[in-house]
């Protein structure tokens, strides 16, 4: 199971690009927050930042933070970690080693 975590974590940026869009005036890792919508105001600078070095995110507006598992769970209203992992493995074609 731990190996599955490590295989799935790098898909955070891909998932973020599927569910939201980059902010117009933000940096290359800044997006409109898919949870609170920050980044659609007059400044158009997204508060939702993806940190590629550790595959984590943080929204400076709503203070949401975590990894792909937290974000996928929040976006799909799933709290069961096992379900989140199974769905992400299917979504990204990840198979476990026997």
C-alpha atoms as a PDB file:
ATOM      1  CA  UNK A   1       0.000   0.000   0.000  1.00  0.00           C
ATOM      2  CA  UNK A   2       2.848   2.409   0.827  1.00  0.00           C
ATOM      3  CA  UNK A   3       4.323   1.776  -2.625  1.00  0.00           C
ATOM      4  CA  UNK A   4       0.947   2.777  -4.114  1.00  0.00           C
ATOM      5  CA  UNK A   5       1.112   6.099  -2.228  1.00  0.00           C
ATOM      6  CA  UNK A   6       4.486   6.889  -3.761  1.00  0.00           C
ATOM      7  CA  UNK A   7       3.351   5.913  -7.264  1.00  0.00           C
ATOM      8  CA  UNK A   8       0.233   8.101  -7.059  1.00  0.00           C
ATOM      9  CA  UNK A   9       1.694  11.258  -5.442  1.00  0.00           C
ATOM     10  CA  UNK A  10       3.388  12.597  -8.621  1.00  0.00           C
ATOM     11  CA  UNK A  11       0.001  12.778 -10.368  1.00  0.00           C
ATOM     12  CA  UNK A  12      -1.020  15.810  -8.264  1.00  0.00           C
ATOM     13  CA  UNK A  13      -0.212  18.376 -10.967  1.00  0.00           C
ATOM     14  CA  UNK A  14      -1.980  16.325 -13.626  1.00  0.00           C
ATOM     15  CA  UNK A  15      -5.062  16.053 -11.402  1.00  0.00           C
ATOM     16  CA  UNK A  16      -5.011  19.783 -10.595  1.00  0.00           C
ATOM     17  CA  UNK A  17      -4.831  20.572 -14.318  1.00  0.00           C
ATOM     18  CA  UNK A  18      -7.910  18.369 -14.846  1.00  0.00           C
ATOM     19  CA  UNK A  19     -10.060  20.054 -12.206  1.00  0.00           C
ATOM     20  CA  UNK A  20      -9.070  23.733 -12.394  1.00  0.00           C
ATOM     21  CA  UNK A  21      -7.081  26.185 -14.430  1.00  0.00           C
ATOM     22  CA  UNK A  22      -3.932  28.198 -13.933  1.00  0.00           C
ATOM     23  CA  UNK A  23      -4.475  31.682 -12.617  1.00  0.00           C
ATOM     24  CA  UNK A  24      -4.047  34.433 -15.150  1.00  0.00           C
ATOM     25  CA  UNK A  25      -1.641  36.638 -13.183  1.00  0.00           C
ATOM     26  CA  UNK A  26      -0.078  34.085 -10.870  1.00  0.00           C
ATOM     27  CA  UNK A  27       3.130  32.145 -11.132  1.00  0.00           C
ATOM     28  CA  UNK A  28       3.570  28.932 -13.062  1.00  0.00           C
ATOM     29  CA  UNK A  29       2.463  26.820 -10.082  1.00  0.00           C
ATOM     30  CA  UNK A  30      -0.553  28.947  -9.135  1.00  0.00           C
ATOM     31  CA  UNK A  31      -4.114  27.983  -9.913  1.00  0.00           C
ATOM     32  CA  UNK A  32      -7.674  28.972  -9.199  1.00  0.00           C
ATOM     33  CA  UNK A  33      -8.491  27.067  -6.033  1.00  0.00           C
ATOM     34  CA  UNK A  34     -10.804  24.177  -6.915  1.00  0.00           C
ATOM     35  CA  UNK A  35     -12.101  24.194  -3.331  1.00  0.00           C
ATOM     36  CA  UNK A  36     -12.842  27.863  -2.597  1.00  0.00           C
ATOM     37  CA  UNK A  37     -12.633  29.489  -6.044  1.00  0.00           C
ATOM     38  CA  UNK A  38      -9.922  31.969  -5.076  1.00  0.00           C
ATOM     39  CA  UNK A  39      -8.240  33.391  -8.138  1.00  0.00           C
ATOM     40  CA  UNK A  40     -11.350  34.514  -9.965  1.00  0.00           C
ATOM     41  CA  UNK A  41     -11.417  38.016  -8.424  1.00  0.00           C
ATOM     42  CA  UNK A  42     -10.172  41.298  -9.854  1.00  0.00           C
ATOM     43  CA  UNK A  43      -6.475  40.452  -9.406  1.00  0.00           C
ATOM     44  CA  UNK A  44      -6.821  37.008 -11.029  1.00  0.00           C
ATOM     45  CA  UNK A  45      -3.906  35.675  -8.992  1.00  0.00           C
ATOM     46  CA  UNK A  46      -4.596  32.192  -7.762  1.00  0.00           C
ATOM     47  CA  UNK A  47      -3.917  31.472  -4.143  1.00  0.00           C
ATOM     48  CA  UNK A  48      -3.768  27.718  -4.781  1.00  0.00           C
ATOM     49  CA  UNK A  49      -0.134  26.725  -5.206  1.00  0.00           C
ATOM     50  CA  UNK A  50       1.266  23.330  -6.174  1.00  0.00           C
ATOM     51  CA  UNK A  51       4.701  22.487  -4.822  1.00  0.00           C
ATOM     52  CA  UNK A  52       6.300  20.065  -7.266  1.00  0.00           C
ATOM     53  CA  UNK A  53       9.258  19.234  -5.037  1.00  0.00           C
ATOM     54  CA  UNK A  54       7.071  17.419  -2.504  1.00  0.00           C
ATOM     55  CA  UNK A  55       3.809  16.884  -4.476  1.00  0.00           C
ATOM     56  CA  UNK A  56       1.739  18.979  -2.093  1.00  0.00           C
ATOM     57  CA  UNK A  57      -0.584  21.977  -2.414  1.00  0.00           C
ATOM     58  CA  UNK A  58      -1.636  24.916  -0.271  1.00  0.00           C
ATOM     59  CA  UNK A  59      -4.340  27.536  -0.768  1.00  0.00           C
ATOM     60  CA  UNK A  60      -3.444  30.858   0.812  1.00  0.00           C
ATOM     61  CA  UNK A  61      -7.119  31.894   0.793  1.00  0.00           C
ATOM     62  CA  UNK A  62      -8.962  28.938   2.352  1.00  0.00           C
ATOM     63  CA  UNK A  63      -5.877  27.362   3.975  1.00  0.00           C
ATOM     64  CA  UNK A  64      -6.575  23.960   2.398  1.00  0.00           C
ATOM     65  CA  UNK A  65      -3.437  21.876   2.143  1.00  0.00           C
ATOM     66  CA  UNK A  66      -2.372  18.349   1.440  1.00  0.00           C
ATOM     67  CA  UNK A  67      -1.531  15.956  -1.336  1.00  0.00           C
ATOM     68  CA  UNK A  68      -3.420  14.322  -4.182  1.00  0.00           C
ATOM     69  CA  UNK A  69      -5.251  12.044  -1.738  1.00  0.00           C
ATOM     70  CA  UNK A  70      -6.608  14.971   0.292  1.00  0.00           C
ATOM     71  CA  UNK A  71      -7.597  16.915  -2.809  1.00  0.00           C
ATOM     72  CA  UNK A  72      -9.239  13.982  -4.583  1.00  0.00           C
ATOM     73  CA  UNK A  73     -11.169  13.109  -1.427  1.00  0.00           C
ATOM     74  CA  UNK A  74     -12.334  16.700  -0.942  1.00  0.00           C
ATOM     75  CA  UNK A  75     -13.352  17.124  -4.578  1.00  0.00           C
ATOM     76  CA  UNK A  76     -15.280  13.840  -4.650  1.00  0.00           C
ATOM     77  CA  UNK A  77     -16.623  13.903  -1.088  1.00  0.00           C
ATOM     78  CA  UNK A  78     -14.773  10.710  -0.152  1.00  0.00           C
ATOM     79  CA  UNK A  79     -13.267  10.307   3.307  1.00  0.00           C
ATOM     80  CA  UNK A  80     -12.206   6.660   3.100  1.00  0.00           C
ATOM     81  CA  UNK A  81      -8.497   6.491   2.247  1.00  0.00           C
ATOM     82  CA  UNK A  82      -8.787   2.999   0.764  1.00  0.00           C
ATOM     83  CA  UNK A  83     -11.484   4.154  -1.651  1.00  0.00           C
ATOM     84  CA  UNK A  84      -9.440   7.197  -2.644  1.00  0.00           C
ATOM     85  CA  UNK A  85      -6.384   5.045  -3.344  1.00  0.00           C
ATOM     86  CA  UNK A  86      -8.370   2.490  -5.360  1.00  0.00           C
ATOM     87  CA  UNK A  87     -10.008   5.177  -7.470  1.00  0.00           C
ATOM     88  CA  UNK A  88      -6.741   7.003  -8.128  1.00  0.00           C
ATOM     89  CA  UNK A  89      -4.971   3.759  -9.033  1.00  0.00           C
ATOM     90  CA  UNK A  90      -7.715   3.054 -11.580  1.00  0.00           C
ATOM     91  CA  UNK A  91      -7.740   6.629 -12.871  1.00  0.00           C
ATOM     92  CA  UNK A  92      -3.972   6.633 -13.516  1.00  0.00           C
ATOM     93  CA  UNK A  93      -3.549   2.988 -14.497  1.00  0.00           C
ATOM     94  CA  UNK A  94      -1.385   2.041 -11.548  1.00  0.00           C
ATOM     95  CA  UNK A  95      -1.051  -1.626 -10.710  1.00  0.00           C
ATOM     96  CA  UNK A  96       0.371  -3.015  -7.495  1.00  0.00           C
ATOM     97  CA  UNK A  97       3.358  -5.328  -7.568  1.00  0.00           C
ATOM     98  CA  UNK A  98       2.455  -8.856  -6.555  1.00  0.00           C
END
